[in-house]
Amino acid sequence: MAEKKFEKALEKLEAIVREMEAGELTLDESLKAFQEGIELSRFCMNKLDEAERKVEILLQEKEEIKVHPYIEEKINE
């Protein structure tokens, strides 16, 4: 399966929800759409979990940023 992007997966999931809410799909079409929706939902949740873990790691890093005073060097002409 080609790499999916979160935004595209979310757009497709929203489209599936709209289709199903319209109530015009056959039973077979509804089941197929539901299955695809579940797969997209899981994909999106995994991407969100992954992003959350990355943010937590970044926030936990204890590297201190050292602030040095700005010293303007004067060039003798």
C-alpha atoms as a PDB file:
ATOM      1  CA  MET A   1       0.000   0.000   0.000  1.00  0.00           C
ATOM      2  CA  ALA A   2       1.386   3.413  -0.960  1.00  0.00           C
ATOM      3  CA  GLU A   3       2.196   5.795   1.838  1.00  0.00           C
ATOM      4  CA  LYS A   4      -0.884   7.765   2.758  1.00  0.00           C
ATOM      5  CA  LYS A   5      -0.936  11.251   4.081  1.00  0.00           C
ATOM      6  CA  PHE A   6      -2.978  12.048   7.159  1.00  0.00           C
ATOM      7  CA  GLU A   7      -4.819  14.945   5.523  1.00  0.00           C
ATOM      8  CA  LYS A   8      -5.848  12.912   2.472  1.00  0.00           C
ATOM      9  CA  ALA A   9      -6.992  10.017   4.659  1.00  0.00           C
ATOM     10  CA  LEU A  10      -9.059  12.365   6.811  1.00  0.00           C
ATOM     11  CA  GLU A  11     -10.678  13.946   3.735  1.00  0.00           C
ATOM     12  CA  LYS A  12     -11.613  10.496   2.410  1.00  0.00           C
ATOM     13  CA  LEU A  13     -12.984   9.468   5.800  1.00  0.00           C
ATOM     14  CA  GLU A  14     -15.145  12.596   5.936  1.00  0.00           C
ATOM     15  CA  ALA A  15     -16.432  11.870   2.415  1.00  0.00           C
ATOM     16  CA  ILE A  16     -17.353   8.313   3.440  1.00  0.00           C
ATOM     17  CA  VAL A  17     -19.243   9.594   6.476  1.00  0.00           C
ATOM     18  CA  ARG A  18     -21.202  12.038   4.308  1.00  0.00           C
ATOM     19  CA  GLU A  19     -22.054   9.257   1.836  1.00  0.00           C
ATOM     20  CA  MET A  20     -23.228   6.936   4.570  1.00  0.00           C
ATOM     21  CA  GLU A  21     -25.230   9.659   6.309  1.00  0.00           C
ATOM     22  CA  ALA A  22     -27.025  10.409   3.044  1.00  0.00           C
ATOM     23  CA  GLY A  23     -28.532   6.910   3.288  1.00  0.00           C
ATOM     24  CA  GLU A  24     -28.455   6.228  -0.441  1.00  0.00           C
ATOM     25  CA  LEU A  25     -25.927   3.383  -0.445  1.00  0.00           C
ATOM     26  CA  THR A  26     -26.916  -0.236  -0.860  1.00  0.00           C
ATOM     27  CA  LEU A  27     -26.146  -2.664   1.931  1.00  0.00           C
ATOM     28  CA  ASP A  28     -23.071  -3.966   0.116  1.00  0.00           C
ATOM     29  CA  GLU A  29     -21.870  -0.425  -0.646  1.00  0.00           C
ATOM     30  CA  SER A  30     -22.449   0.537   2.980  1.00  0.00           C
ATOM     31  CA  LEU A  31     -20.430  -2.413   4.264  1.00  0.00           C
ATOM     32  CA  LYS A  32     -17.591  -1.662   1.865  1.00  0.00           C
ATOM     33  CA  ALA A  33     -17.632   2.040   2.840  1.00  0.00           C
ATOM     34  CA  PHE A  34     -17.758   1.127   6.536  1.00  0.00           C
ATOM     35  CA  GLN A  35     -14.751  -1.175   6.173  1.00  0.00           C
ATOM     36  CA  GLU A  36     -12.763   1.504   4.341  1.00  0.00           C
ATOM     37  CA  GLY A  37     -13.809   4.034   6.971  1.00  0.00           C
ATOM     38  CA  ILE A  38     -12.562   1.804   9.781  1.00  0.00           C
ATOM     39  CA  GLU A  39      -9.214   1.345   8.018  1.00  0.00           C
ATOM     40  CA  LEU A  40      -8.868   5.097   7.461  1.00  0.00           C
ATOM     41  CA  SER A  41      -9.885   5.813  11.046  1.00  0.00           C
ATOM     42  CA  ARG A  42      -7.211   3.436  12.376  1.00  0.00           C
ATOM     43  CA  PHE A  43      -4.614   4.969  10.059  1.00  0.00           C
ATOM     44  CA  CYS A  44      -5.476   8.482  11.254  1.00  0.00           C
ATOM     45  CA  MET A  45      -5.417   7.449  14.910  1.00  0.00           C
ATOM     46  CA  ASN A  46      -1.996   5.834  14.455  1.00  0.00           C
ATOM     47  CA  LYS A  47      -0.654   8.992  12.799  1.00  0.00           C
ATOM     48  CA  LEU A  48      -2.045  11.148  15.619  1.00  0.00           C
ATOM     49  CA  ASP A  49      -0.563   8.823  18.260  1.00  0.00           C
ATOM     50  CA  GLU A  50       2.797   8.962  16.478  1.00  0.00           C
ATOM     51  CA  ALA A  51       2.706  12.769  16.361  1.00  0.00           C
ATOM     52  CA  GLU A  52       1.756  12.928  20.039  1.00  0.00           C
ATOM     53  CA  ARG A  53       4.707  10.693  20.974  1.00  0.00           C
ATOM     54  CA  LYS A  54       7.074  12.920  18.985  1.00  0.00           C
ATOM     55  CA  VAL A  55       5.762  16.042  20.738  1.00  0.00           C
ATOM     56  CA  GLU A  56       6.141  14.390  24.144  1.00  0.00           C
ATOM     57  CA  ILE A  57       9.732  13.431  23.339  1.00  0.00           C
ATOM     58  CA  LEU A  58      10.530  16.973  22.235  1.00  0.00           C
ATOM     59  CA  LEU A  59       9.015  18.422  25.391  1.00  0.00           C
ATOM     60  CA  GLN A  60      10.916  16.002  27.630  1.00  0.00           C
ATOM     61  CA  GLU A  61      14.321  16.726  26.183  1.00  0.00           C
ATOM     62  CA  LYS A  62      16.310  18.469  28.848  1.00  0.00           C
ATOM     63  CA  GLU A  63      18.836  20.200  26.696  1.00  0.00           C
ATOM     64  CA  GLU A  64      19.275  23.655  28.017  1.00  0.00           C
ATOM     65  CA  ILE A  65      19.610  26.501  25.617  1.00  0.00           C
ATOM     66  CA  LYS A  66      22.444  28.739  26.665  1.00  0.00           C
ATOM     67  CA  VAL A  67      21.791  32.391  26.153  1.00  0.00           C
ATOM     68  CA  HIS A  68      24.828  34.507  25.427  1.00  0.00           C
ATOM     69  CA  PRO A  69      24.657  38.263  25.525  1.00  0.00           C
ATOM     70  CA  TYR A  70      24.899  39.891  22.152  1.00  0.00           C
ATOM     71  CA  ILE A  71      28.243  41.583  21.728  1.00  0.00           C
ATOM     72  CA  GLU A  72      28.552  43.841  18.766  1.00  0.00           C
ATOM     73  CA  GLU A  73      31.980  43.674  17.258  1.00  0.00           C
ATOM     74  CA  LYS A  74      33.277  46.953  15.996  1.00  0.00           C
ATOM     75  CA  ILE A  75      35.417  46.873  12.955  1.00  0.00           C
ATOM     76  CA  ASN A  76      38.233  49.347  12.941  1.00  0.00           C
ATOM     77  CA  GLU A  77      38.470  51.050   9.602  1.00  0.00           C
END
